Amino acid sequence: LVFKALQTYSNKEVVRWIEVPQEGQDEPDNPAPVLALSAPAEDGHGHG
């Protein structure tokens, strides 16, 4: 899952972490946060 983020500083500067990393390519300058998902739990109910 890709989550795009904006980081704002006290001097009004805004850093846009919105570039989606692509497999086989160098990491972009401002990569978006990416959550890697693991295989489903055997019981099918996750951590619950």
All heavy atoms as atom14 arrays in JSON, in Angstrom:
{
  "sequence": "LVFKALQTYSNKEVVRWIEVPQEGQDEPDNPAPVLALSAPAEDGHGHG",
  "atom14_mask": [
    [1, 1, 1, 1, 1, 1, 1, 1, 0, 0, 0, 0, 0, 0],
    [1, 1, 1, 1, 1, 1, 1, 0, 0, 0, 0, 0, 0, 0],
    [1, 1, 1, 1, 1, 1, 1, 1, 1, 1, 1, 0, 0, 0],
    [1, 1, 1, 1, 1, 1, 1, 1, 1, 0, 0, 0, 0, 0],
    [1, 1, 1, 1, 1, 0, 0, 0, 0, 0, 0, 0, 0, 0],
    [1, 1, 1, 1, 1, 1, 1, 1, 0, 0, 0, 0, 0, 0],
    [1, 1, 1, 1, 1, 1, 1, 1, 1, 0, 0, 0, 0, 0],
    [1, 1, 1, 1, 1, 1, 1, 0, 0, 0, 0, 0, 0, 0],
    [1, 1, 1, 1, 1, 1, 1, 1, 1, 1, 1, 1, 0, 0],
    [1, 1, 1, 1, 1, 1, 0, 0, 0, 0, 0, 0, 0, 0],
    [1, 1, 1, 1, 1, 1, 1, 1, 0, 0, 0, 0, 0, 0],
    [1, 1, 1, 1, 1, 1, 1, 1, 1, 0, 0, 0, 0, 0],
    [1, 1, 1, 1, 1, 1, 1, 1, 1, 0, 0, 0, 0, 0],
    [1, 1, 1, 1, 1, 1, 1, 0, 0, 0, 0, 0, 0, 0],
    [1, 1, 1, 1, 1, 1, 1, 0, 0, 0, 0, 0, 0, 0],
    [1, 1, 1, 1, 1, 1, 1, 1, 1, 1, 1, 0, 0, 0],
    [1, 1, 1, 1, 1, 1, 1, 1, 1, 1, 1, 1, 1, 1],
    [1, 1, 1, 1, 1, 1, 1, 1, 0, 0, 0, 0, 0, 0],
    [1, 1, 1, 1, 1, 1, 1, 1, 1, 0, 0, 0, 0, 0],
    [1, 1, 1, 1, 1, 1, 1, 0, 0, 0, 0, 0, 0, 0],
    [1, 1, 1, 1, 1, 1, 1, 0, 0, 0, 0, 0, 0, 0],
    [1, 1, 1, 1, 1, 1, 1, 1, 1, 0, 0, 0, 0, 0],
    [1, 1, 1, 1, 1, 1, 1, 1, 1, 0, 0, 0, 0, 0],
    [1, 1, 1, 1, 0, 0, 0, 0, 0, 0, 0, 0, 0, 0],
    [1, 1, 1, 1, 1, 1, 1, 1, 1, 0, 0, 0, 0, 0],
    [1, 1, 1, 1, 1, 1, 1, 1, 0, 0, 0, 0, 0, 0],
    [1, 1, 1, 1, 1, 1, 1, 1, 1, 0, 0, 0, 0, 0],
    [1, 1, 1, 1, 1, 1, 1, 0, 0, 0, 0, 0, 0, 0],
    [1, 1, 1, 1, 1, 1, 1, 1, 0, 0, 0, 0, 0, 0],
    [1, 1, 1, 1, 1, 1, 1, 1, 0, 0, 0, 0, 0, 0],
    [1, 1, 1, 1, 1, 1, 1, 0, 0, 0, 0, 0, 0, 0],
    [1, 1, 1, 1, 1, 0, 0, 0, 0, 0, 0, 0, 0, 0],
    [1, 1, 1, 1, 1, 1, 1, 0, 0, 0, 0, 0, 0, 0],
    [1, 1, 1, 1, 1, 1, 1, 0, 0, 0, 0, 0, 0, 0],
    [1, 1, 1, 1, 1, 1, 1, 1, 0, 0, 0, 0, 0, 0],
    [1, 1, 1, 1, 1, 0, 0, 0, 0, 0, 0, 0, 0, 0],
    [1, 1, 1, 1, 1, 1, 1, 1, 0, 0, 0, 0, 0, 0],
    [1, 1, 1, 1, 1, 1, 0, 0, 0, 0, 0, 0, 0, 0],
    [1, 1, 1, 1, 1, 0, 0, 0, 0, 0, 0, 0, 0, 0],
    [1, 1, 1, 1, 1, 1, 1, 0, 0, 0, 0, 0, 0, 0],
    [1, 1, 1, 1, 1, 0, 0, 0, 0, 0, 0, 0, 0, 0],
    [1, 1, 1, 1, 1, 1, 1, 1, 1, 0, 0, 0, 0, 0],
    [1, 1, 1, 1, 1, 1, 1, 1, 0, 0, 0, 0, 0, 0],
    [1, 1, 1, 1, 0, 0, 0, 0, 0, 0, 0, 0, 0, 0],
    [1, 1, 1, 1, 1, 1, 1, 1, 1, 1, 0, 0, 0, 0],
    [1, 1, 1, 1, 0, 0, 0, 0, 0, 0, 0, 0, 0, 0],
    [1, 1, 1, 1, 1, 1, 1, 1, 1, 1, 0, 0, 0, 0],
    [1, 1, 1, 1, 0, 0, 0, 0, 0, 0, 0, 0, 0, 0]
  ],
  "atom14_positions": [
    [[0.86, -1.18, 0.0], [0.0, 0.0, 0.0], [0.9, 1.23, 0.0], [1.88, 1.31, 0.75], [-0.9, 0.02, 1.24], [-2.0, -1.05, 1.32], [-2.75, -0.94, 2.64], [-2.96, -0.92, 0.15], [0.0, 0.0, 0.0], [0.0, 0.0, 0.0], [0.0, 0.0, 0.0], [0.0, 0.0, 0.0], [0.0, 0.0, 0.0], [0.0, 0.0, 0.0]],
    [[0.55, 2.21, -0.83], [1.33, 3.44, -0.95], [0.58, 4.57, -0.26], [-0.59, 4.83, -0.56], [1.6, 3.79, -2.42], [2.37, 5.1, -2.51], [2.37, 2.67, -3.1], [0.0, 0.0, 0.0], [0.0, 0.0, 0.0], [0.0, 0.0, 0.0], [0.0, 0.0, 0.0], [0.0, 0.0, 0.0], [0.0, 0.0, 0.0], [0.0, 0.0, 0.0]],
    [[1.26, 5.25, 0.66], [0.69, 6.39, 1.38], [1.5, 7.63, 1.0], [2.69, 7.71, 1.31], [0.75, 6.18, 2.89], [0.02, 4.97, 3.38], [0.64, 3.73, 3.39], [-1.29, 5.06, 3.83], [-0.02, 2.61, 3.85], [-1.96, 3.95, 4.29], [-1.32, 2.71, 4.3], [0.0, 0.0, 0.0], [0.0, 0.0, 0.0], [0.0, 0.0, 0.0]],
    [[0.86, 8.61, 0.37], [1.56, 9.83, 0.02], [1.47, 10.81, 1.2], [0.42, 10.94, 1.83], [0.98, 10.44, -1.25], [1.17, 9.52, -2.46], [0.66, 10.15, -3.74], [0.92, 9.23, -4.93], [0.49, 9.82, -6.22], [0.0, 0.0, 0.0], [0.0, 0.0, 0.0], [0.0, 0.0, 0.0], [0.0, 0.0, 0.0], [0.0, 0.0, 0.0]],
    [[2.6, 11.49, 1.48], [2.65, 12.32, 2.68], [3.22, 13.71, 2.36], [4.08, 13.87, 1.48], [3.51, 11.65, 3.75], [0.0, 0.0, 0.0], [0.0, 0.0, 0.0], [0.0, 0.0, 0.0], [0.0, 0.0, 0.0], [0.0, 0.0, 0.0], [0.0, 0.0, 0.0], [0.0, 0.0, 0.0], [0.0, 0.0, 0.0], [0.0, 0.0, 0.0]],
    [[2.73, 14.7, 3.12], [3.25, 16.07, 3.05], [3.78, 16.44, 4.43], [3.08, 16.31, 5.44], [2.15, 17.05, 2.63], [1.47, 16.81, 1.28], [0.45, 17.91, 1.01], [2.49, 16.76, 0.15], [0.0, 0.0, 0.0], [0.0, 0.0, 0.0], [0.0, 0.0, 0.0], [0.0, 0.0, 0.0], [0.0, 0.0, 0.0], [0.0, 0.0, 0.0]],
    [[5.02, 16.9, 4.46], [5.67, 17.3, 5.71], [5.88, 18.81, 5.7], [6.57, 19.35, 4.84], [7.01, 16.57, 5.86], [7.75, 16.88, 7.15], [9.06, 16.1, 7.24], [9.49, 15.46, 6.28], [9.71, 16.14, 8.4], [0.0, 0.0, 0.0], [0.0, 0.0, 0.0], [0.0, 0.0, 0.0], [0.0, 0.0, 0.0], [0.0, 0.0, 0.0]],
    [[5.26, 19.49, 6.67], [5.35, 20.96, 6.72], [6.23, 21.38, 7.88], [6.11, 20.87, 9.0], [3.95, 21.58, 6.89], [3.12, 21.16, 5.8], [4.03, 23.1, 6.9], [0.0, 0.0, 0.0], [0.0, 0.0, 0.0], [0.0, 0.0, 0.0], [0.0, 0.0, 0.0], [0.0, 0.0, 0.0], [0.0, 0.0, 0.0], [0.0, 0.0, 0.0]],
    [[7.12, 22.35, 7.59], [8.04, 22.87, 8.61], [7.55, 24.22, 9.15], [6.68, 24.87, 8.56], [9.45, 23.02, 8.01], [10.16, 21.69, 7.81], [10.04, 21.0, 6.61], [10.93, 21.15, 8.83], [10.7, 19.78, 6.43], [11.59, 19.94, 8.65], [11.47, 19.26, 7.46], [12.1, 18.06, 7.29], [0.0, 0.0, 0.0], [0.0, 0.0, 0.0]],
    [[8.18, 24.62, 10.26], [7.78, 25.88, 10.9], [8.1, 27.09, 10.05], [7.54, 28.18, 10.27], [8.46, 26.0, 12.27], [9.88, 25.87, 12.13], [0.0, 0.0, 0.0], [0.0, 0.0, 0.0], [0.0, 0.0, 0.0], [0.0, 0.0, 0.0], [0.0, 0.0, 0.0], [0.0, 0.0, 0.0], [0.0, 0.0, 0.0], [0.0, 0.0, 0.0]],
    [[9.01, 26.95, 9.08], [9.33, 28.07, 8.18], [8.45, 28.06, 6.92], [8.78, 28.7, 5.93], [10.81, 28.03, 7.78], [11.19, 26.73, 7.08], [10.34, 25.88, 6.83], [12.47, 26.58, 6.78], [0.0, 0.0, 0.0], [0.0, 0.0, 0.0], [0.0, 0.0, 0.0], [0.0, 0.0, 0.0], [0.0, 0.0, 0.0], [0.0, 0.0, 0.0]],
    [[7.36, 27.28, 6.95], [6.37, 27.18, 5.87], [6.83, 26.31, 4.7], [6.09, 26.17, 3.72], [5.97, 28.57, 5.33], [5.5, 29.54, 6.41], [4.34, 28.98, 7.22], [3.88, 29.97, 8.29], [2.8, 29.41, 9.13], [0.0, 0.0, 0.0], [0.0, 0.0, 0.0], [0.0, 0.0, 0.0], [0.0, 0.0, 0.0], [0.0, 0.0, 0.0]],
    [[8.0, 25.7, 4.8], [8.45, 24.8, 3.74], [7.63, 23.51, 3.78], [7.34, 22.98, 4.85], [9.93, 24.46, 3.93], [10.47, 23.49, 2.89], [11.86, 22.98, 3.22], [12.38, 23.33, 4.3], [12.42, 22.23, 2.4], [0.0, 0.0, 0.0], [0.0, 0.0, 0.0], [0.0, 0.0, 0.0], [0.0, 0.0, 0.0], [0.0, 0.0, 0.0]],
    [[7.25, 23.01, 2.62], [6.48, 21.77, 2.51], [7.27, 20.78, 1.65], [7.64, 21.09, 0.51], [5.1, 22.01, 1.88], [4.35, 20.68, 1.73], [4.29, 22.99, 2.72], [0.0, 0.0, 0.0], [0.0, 0.0, 0.0], [0.0, 0.0, 0.0], [0.0, 0.0, 0.0], [0.0, 0.0, 0.0], [0.0, 0.0, 0.0], [0.0, 0.0, 0.0]],
    [[7.55, 19.61, 2.22], [8.23, 18.54, 1.49], [7.19, 17.5, 1.1], [6.47, 16.98, 1.97], [9.35, 17.9, 2.33], [10.06, 16.8, 1.53], [10.35, 18.95, 2.79], [0.0, 0.0, 0.0], [0.0, 0.0, 0.0], [0.0, 0.0, 0.0], [0.0, 0.0, 0.0], [0.0, 0.0, 0.0], [0.0, 0.0, 0.0], [0.0, 0.0, 0.0]],
    [[7.13, 17.18, -0.18], [6.09, 16.29, -0.71], [6.69, 14.89, -0.93], [7.44, 14.67, -1.89], [5.55, 16.85, -2.02], [4.93, 18.24, -1.86], [4.67, 18.91, -3.21], [3.7, 18.15, -3.98], [2.38, 18.26, -3.83], [1.87, 19.11, -2.95], [1.56, 17.56, -4.59], [0.0, 0.0, 0.0], [0.0, 0.0, 0.0], [0.0, 0.0, 0.0]],
    [[6.35, 13.97, -0.03], [6.81, 12.59, -0.14], [5.74, 11.81, -0.92], [4.94, 11.09, -0.35], [7.02, 11.99, 1.26], [7.98, 12.78, 2.1], [7.67, 13.65, 3.09], [9.41, 12.75, 2.02], [8.8, 14.19, 3.65], [9.9, 13.64, 3.0], [10.33, 12.07, 1.21], [11.25, 13.86, 3.19], [11.68, 12.29, 1.41], [12.12, 13.17, 2.39]],
    [[5.79, 11.97, -2.26], [4.7, 11.43, -3.07], [5.18, 10.6, -4.26], [4.35, 10.07, -5.02], [3.81, 12.57, -3.6], [4.62, 13.52, -4.47], [3.16, 13.33, -2.43], [3.77, 14.58, -5.16], [0.0, 0.0, 0.0], [0.0, 0.0, 0.0], [0.0, 0.0, 0.0], [0.0, 0.0, 0.0], [0.0, 0.0, 0.0], [0.0, 0.0, 0.0]],
    [[6.47, 10.46, -4.44], [6.98, 9.7, -5.58], [6.95, 8.2, -5.28], [7.51, 7.75, -4.28], [8.41, 10.14, -5.92], [8.51, 11.62, -6.29], [9.94, 12.03, -6.56], [10.62, 11.35, -7.35], [10.4, 13.02, -5.96], [0.0, 0.0, 0.0], [0.0, 0.0, 0.0], [0.0, 0.0, 0.0], [0.0, 0.0, 0.0], [0.0, 0.0, 0.0]],
    [[6.29, 7.44, -6.15], [6.13, 6.01, -5.93], [7.38, 5.27, -6.4], [7.75, 5.36, -7.58], [4.89, 5.47, -6.67], [4.73, 3.99, -6.42], [3.64, 6.24, -6.24], [0.0, 0.0, 0.0], [0.0, 0.0, 0.0], [0.0, 0.0, 0.0], [0.0, 0.0, 0.0], [0.0, 0.0, 0.0], [0.0, 0.0, 0.0], [0.0, 0.0, 0.0]],
    [[8.05, 4.55, -5.51], [9.24, 3.78, -5.93], [8.87, 2.71, -6.94], [7.83, 2.05, -6.82], [9.74, 3.16, -4.61], [9.13, 4.01, -3.53], [7.81, 4.45, -4.06], [0.0, 0.0, 0.0], [0.0, 0.0, 0.0], [0.0, 0.0, 0.0], [0.0, 0.0, 0.0], [0.0, 0.0, 0.0], [0.0, 0.0, 0.0], [0.0, 0.0, 0.0]],
    [[9.72, 2.53, -7.93], [9.49, 1.53, -8.98], [10.54, 0.43, -8.87], [11.72, 0.7, -8.66], [9.55, 2.19, -10.36], [8.53, 3.3, -10.57], [7.09, 2.83, -10.51], [6.8, 1.69, -10.89], [6.2, 3.68, -10.04], [0.0, 0.0, 0.0], [0.0, 0.0, 0.0], [0.0, 0.0, 0.0], [0.0, 0.0, 0.0], [0.0, 0.0, 0.0]],
    [[10.06, -0.81, -8.99], [10.97, -1.95, -8.9], [12.0, -1.91, -10.02], [11.68, -1.65, -11.18], [10.17, -3.26, -8.97], [11.01, -4.5, -8.72], [10.18, -5.76, -8.71], [8.94, -5.65, -8.82], [10.76, -6.86, -8.61], [0.0, 0.0, 0.0], [0.0, 0.0, 0.0], [0.0, 0.0, 0.0], [0.0, 0.0, 0.0], [0.0, 0.0, 0.0]],
    [[13.27, -2.15, -9.65], [14.35, -2.15, -10.63], [14.92, -0.78, -10.92], [15.85, -0.66, -11.73], [0.0, 0.0, 0.0], [0.0, 0.0, 0.0], [0.0, 0.0, 0.0], [0.0, 0.0, 0.0], [0.0, 0.0, 0.0], [0.0, 0.0, 0.0], [0.0, 0.0, 0.0], [0.0, 0.0, 0.0], [0.0, 0.0, 0.0], [0.0, 0.0, 0.0]],
    [[14.38, 0.27, -10.27], [14.88, 1.62, -10.48], [15.42, 2.2, -9.19], [15.11, 1.71, -8.09], [13.76, 2.53, -11.03], [13.21, 2.09, -12.38], [12.16, 3.04, -12.9], [11.96, 4.13, -12.36], [11.46, 2.64, -13.96], [0.0, 0.0, 0.0], [0.0, 0.0, 0.0], [0.0, 0.0, 0.0], [0.0, 0.0, 0.0], [0.0, 0.0, 0.0]],
    [[16.25, 3.24, -9.31], [16.79, 3.9, -8.12], [15.67, 4.55, -7.32], [14.65, 4.96, -7.88], [17.81, 4.96, -8.53], [19.06, 4.35, -9.16], [19.31, 3.15, -8.92], [19.76, 5.06, -9.91], [0.0, 0.0, 0.0], [0.0, 0.0, 0.0], [0.0, 0.0, 0.0], [0.0, 0.0, 0.0], [0.0, 0.0, 0.0], [0.0, 0.0, 0.0]],
    [[15.9, 4.63, -6.01], [14.9, 5.26, -5.16], [14.77, 6.74, -5.52], [15.78, 7.43, -5.69], [15.29, 5.12, -3.69], [14.23, 5.63, -2.73], [14.63, 5.42, -1.28], [15.64, 6.03, -0.87], [13.97, 4.65, -0.58], [0.0, 0.0, 0.0], [0.0, 0.0, 0.0], [0.0, 0.0, 0.0], [0.0, 0.0, 0.0], [0.0, 0.0, 0.0]],
    [[13.56, 7.24, -5.66], [13.37, 8.66, -6.0], [13.83, 9.57, -4.87], [14.05, 9.13, -3.73], [11.86, 8.76, -6.24], [11.27, 7.61, -5.5], [12.28, 6.51, -5.55], [0.0, 0.0, 0.0], [0.0, 0.0, 0.0], [0.0, 0.0, 0.0], [0.0, 0.0, 0.0], [0.0, 0.0, 0.0], [0.0, 0.0, 0.0], [0.0, 0.0, 0.0]],
    [[13.94, 10.84, -5.18], [14.4, 11.81, -4.18], [13.4, 11.98, -3.05], [13.78, 12.19, -1.89], [14.65, 13.16, -4.85], [15.82, 13.11, -5.82], [16.7, 12.25, -5.63], [15.84, 13.92, -6.77], [0.0, 0.0, 0.0], [0.0, 0.0, 0.0], [0.0, 0.0, 0.0], [0.0, 0.0, 0.0], [0.0, 0.0, 0.0], [0.0, 0.0, 0.0]],
    [[12.12, 11.91, -3.36], [11.08, 12.08, -2.34], [10.1, 10.89, -2.39], [8.95, 11.03, -2.82], [10.32, 13.39, -2.57], [11.21, 14.6, -2.41], [11.77, 15.12, -3.37], [11.36, 15.06, -1.18], [0.0, 0.0, 0.0], [0.0, 0.0, 0.0], [0.0, 0.0, 0.0], [0.0, 0.0, 0.0], [0.0, 0.0, 0.0], [0.0, 0.0, 0.0]],
    [[10.57, 9.73, -1.95], [9.73, 8.52, -2.03], [8.53, 8.58, -1.09], [8.62, 9.09, 0.03], [10.68, 7.39, -1.62], [11.68, 8.06, -0.73], [11.86, 9.43, -1.3], [0.0, 0.0, 0.0], [0.0, 0.0, 0.0], [0.0, 0.0, 0.0], [0.0, 0.0, 0.0], [0.0, 0.0, 0.0], [0.0, 0.0, 0.0], [0.0, 0.0, 0.0]],
    [[7.42, 8.06, -1.56], [6.23, 7.95, -0.72], [6.39, 6.78, 0.24], [7.05, 5.78, -0.09], [4.99, 7.75, -1.59], [0.0, 0.0, 0.0], [0.0, 0.0, 0.0], [0.0, 0.0, 0.0], [0.0, 0.0, 0.0], [0.0, 0.0, 0.0], [0.0, 0.0, 0.0], [0.0, 0.0, 0.0], [0.0, 0.0, 0.0], [0.0, 0.0, 0.0]],
    [[5.81, 6.85, 1.44], [5.85, 5.71, 2.36], [5.11, 4.51, 1.76], [3.98, 4.64, 1.28], [5.13, 6.23, 3.6], [5.21, 7.72, 3.5], [5.17, 8.03, 2.05], [0.0, 0.0, 0.0], [0.0, 0.0, 0.0], [0.0, 0.0, 0.0], [0.0, 0.0, 0.0], [0.0, 0.0, 0.0], [0.0, 0.0, 0.0], [0.0, 0.0, 0.0]],
    [[5.75, 3.35, 1.8], [5.17, 2.13, 1.24], [5.09, 1.06, 2.32], [6.09, 0.75, 2.98], [6.0, 1.61, 0.05], [5.42, 0.3, -0.48], [6.06, 2.64, -1.06], [0.0, 0.0, 0.0], [0.0, 0.0, 0.0], [0.0, 0.0, 0.0], [0.0, 0.0, 0.0], [0.0, 0.0, 0.0], [0.0, 0.0, 0.0], [0.0, 0.0, 0.0]],
    [[3.89, 0.5, 2.51], [3.68, -0.57, 3.48], [3.65, -1.91, 2.77], [2.77, -2.16, 1.93], [2.36, -0.35, 4.23], [1.95, -1.45, 5.22], [2.93, -1.51, 6.39], [0.53, -1.22, 5.74], [0.0, 0.0, 0.0], [0.0, 0.0, 0.0], [0.0, 0.0, 0.0], [0.0, 0.0, 0.0], [0.0, 0.0, 0.0], [0.0, 0.0, 0.0]],
    [[4.6, -2.78, 3.08], [4.64, -4.12, 2.48], [3.68, -5.04, 3.22], [3.65, -5.07, 4.46], [6.06, -4.67, 2.55], [0.0, 0.0, 0.0], [0.0, 0.0, 0.0], [0.0, 0.0, 0.0], [0.0, 0.0, 0.0], [0.0, 0.0, 0.0], [0.0, 0.0, 0.0], [0.0, 0.0, 0.0], [0.0, 0.0, 0.0], [0.0, 0.0, 0.0]],
    [[2.89, -5.79, 2.47], [1.91, -6.71, 3.05], [2.44, -8.13, 3.0], [2.98, -8.57, 1.98], [0.58, -6.61, 2.31], [-0.07, -5.22, 2.24], [-1.4, -5.3, 1.5], [-0.28, -4.65, 3.64], [0.0, 0.0, 0.0], [0.0, 0.0, 0.0], [0.0, 0.0, 0.0], [0.0, 0.0, 0.0], [0.0, 0.0, 0.0], [0.0, 0.0, 0.0]],
    [[2.27, -8.85, 4.11], [2.72, -10.24, 4.17], [1.59, -11.17, 3.78], [0.44, -10.74, 3.58], [3.21, -10.56, 5.58], [2.17, -10.38, 6.53], [0.0, 0.0, 0.0], [0.0, 0.0, 0.0], [0.0, 0.0, 0.0], [0.0, 0.0, 0.0], [0.0, 0.0, 0.0], [0.0, 0.0, 0.0], [0.0, 0.0, 0.0], [0.0, 0.0, 0.0]],
    [[1.9, -12.46, 3.65], [0.9, -13.45, 3.27], [-0.22, -13.51, 4.31], [0.01, -13.22, 5.49], [1.56, -14.82, 3.12], [0.0, 0.0, 0.0], [0.0, 0.0, 0.0], [0.0, 0.0, 0.0], [0.0, 0.0, 0.0], [0.0, 0.0, 0.0], [0.0, 0.0, 0.0], [0.0, 0.0, 0.0], [0.0, 0.0, 0.0], [0.0, 0.0, 0.0]],
    [[-1.43, -13.88, 3.89], [-2.54, -13.96, 4.85], [-2.25, -14.95, 5.97], [-1.53, -15.94, 5.77], [-3.72, -14.44, 3.99], [-3.33, -14.14, 2.58], [-1.85, -14.25, 2.52], [0.0, 0.0, 0.0], [0.0, 0.0, 0.0], [0.0, 0.0, 0.0], [0.0, 0.0, 0.0], [0.0, 0.0, 0.0], [0.0, 0.0, 0.0], [0.0, 0.0, 0.0]],
    [[-2.79, -14.68, 7.15], [-2.64, -15.6, 8.27], [-3.35, -16.9, 7.94], [-4.36, -16.92, 7.22], [-3.21, -14.98, 9.54], [0.0, 0.0, 0.0], [0.0, 0.0, 0.0], [0.0, 0.0, 0.0], [0.0, 0.0, 0.0], [0.0, 0.0, 0.0], [0.0, 0.0, 0.0], [0.0, 0.0, 0.0], [0.0, 0.0, 0.0], [0.0, 0.0, 0.0]],
    [[-2.83, -18.03, 8.47], [-3.4, -19.34, 8.16], [-4.85, -19.46, 8.59], [-5.65, -20.14, 7.96], [-2.56, -20.44, 8.83], [-1.15, -20.55, 8.26], [-0.36, -21.66, 8.92], [-0.93, -22.32, 9.82], [0.8, -21.87, 8.53], [0.0, 0.0, 0.0], [0.0, 0.0, 0.0], [0.0, 0.0, 0.0], [0.0, 0.0, 0.0], [0.0, 0.0, 0.0]],
    [[-5.19, -18.8, 9.71], [-6.57, -18.89, 10.2], [-7.49, -17.92, 9.47], [-8.7, -17.96, 9.65], [-6.64, -18.64, 11.71], [-5.98, -17.34, 12.11], [-5.79, -16.47, 11.23], [-5.62, -17.19, 13.28], [0.0, 0.0, 0.0], [0.0, 0.0, 0.0], [0.0, 0.0, 0.0], [0.0, 0.0, 0.0], [0.0, 0.0, 0.0], [0.0, 0.0, 0.0]],
    [[-6.87, -17.01, 8.68], [-7.68, -16.08, 7.89], [-8.26, -14.94, 8.67], [-9.09, -14.2, 8.18], [0.0, 0.0, 0.0], [0.0, 0.0, 0.0], [0.0, 0.0, 0.0], [0.0, 0.0, 0.0], [0.0, 0.0, 0.0], [0.0, 0.0, 0.0], [0.0, 0.0, 0.0], [0.0, 0.0, 0.0], [0.0, 0.0, 0.0], [0.0, 0.0, 0.0]],
    [[-7.79, -14.75, 9.91], [-8.36, -13.68, 10.72], [-7.33, -12.64, 11.12], [-7.61, -11.78, 11.93], [-8.99, -14.26, 12.0], [-10.18, -15.13, 11.73], [-10.05, -16.49, 11.48], [-11.5, -14.86, 11.64], [-11.26, -17.02, 11.28], [-12.14, -16.04, 11.35], [0.0, 0.0, 0.0], [0.0, 0.0, 0.0], [0.0, 0.0, 0.0], [0.0, 0.0, 0.0]],
    [[-6.13, -12.73, 10.6], [-5.13, -11.72, 10.92], [-4.75, -11.77, 12.38], [-4.81, -12.79, 13.03], [0.0, 0.0, 0.0], [0.0, 0.0, 0.0], [0.0, 0.0, 0.0], [0.0, 0.0, 0.0], [0.0, 0.0, 0.0], [0.0, 0.0, 0.0], [0.0, 0.0, 0.0], [0.0, 0.0, 0.0], [0.0, 0.0, 0.0], [0.0, 0.0, 0.0]],
    [[-4.32, -10.61, 12.91], [-3.84, -10.59, 14.28], [-4.97, -10.7, 15.28], [-4.73, -10.93, 16.46], [-3.03, -9.31, 14.53], [-3.87, -8.09, 14.76], [-4.34, -7.32, 13.74], [-4.35, -7.53, 15.9], [-5.05, -6.3, 14.24], [-5.06, -6.42, 15.54], [0.0, 0.0, 0.0], [0.0, 0.0, 0.0], [0.0, 0.0, 0.0], [0.0, 0.0, 0.0]],
    [[-6.22, -10.55, 14.84], [-7.33, -10.68, 15.79], [-7.4, -12.09, 16.35], [-7.66, -12.3, 17.53], [0.0, 0.0, 0.0], [0.0, 0.0, 0.0], [0.0, 0.0, 0.0], [0.0, 0.0, 0.0], [0.0, 0.0, 0.0], [0.0, 0.0, 0.0], [0.0, 0.0, 0.0], [0.0, 0.0, 0.0], [0.0, 0.0, 0.0], [0.0, 0.0, 0.0]]
  ]
}
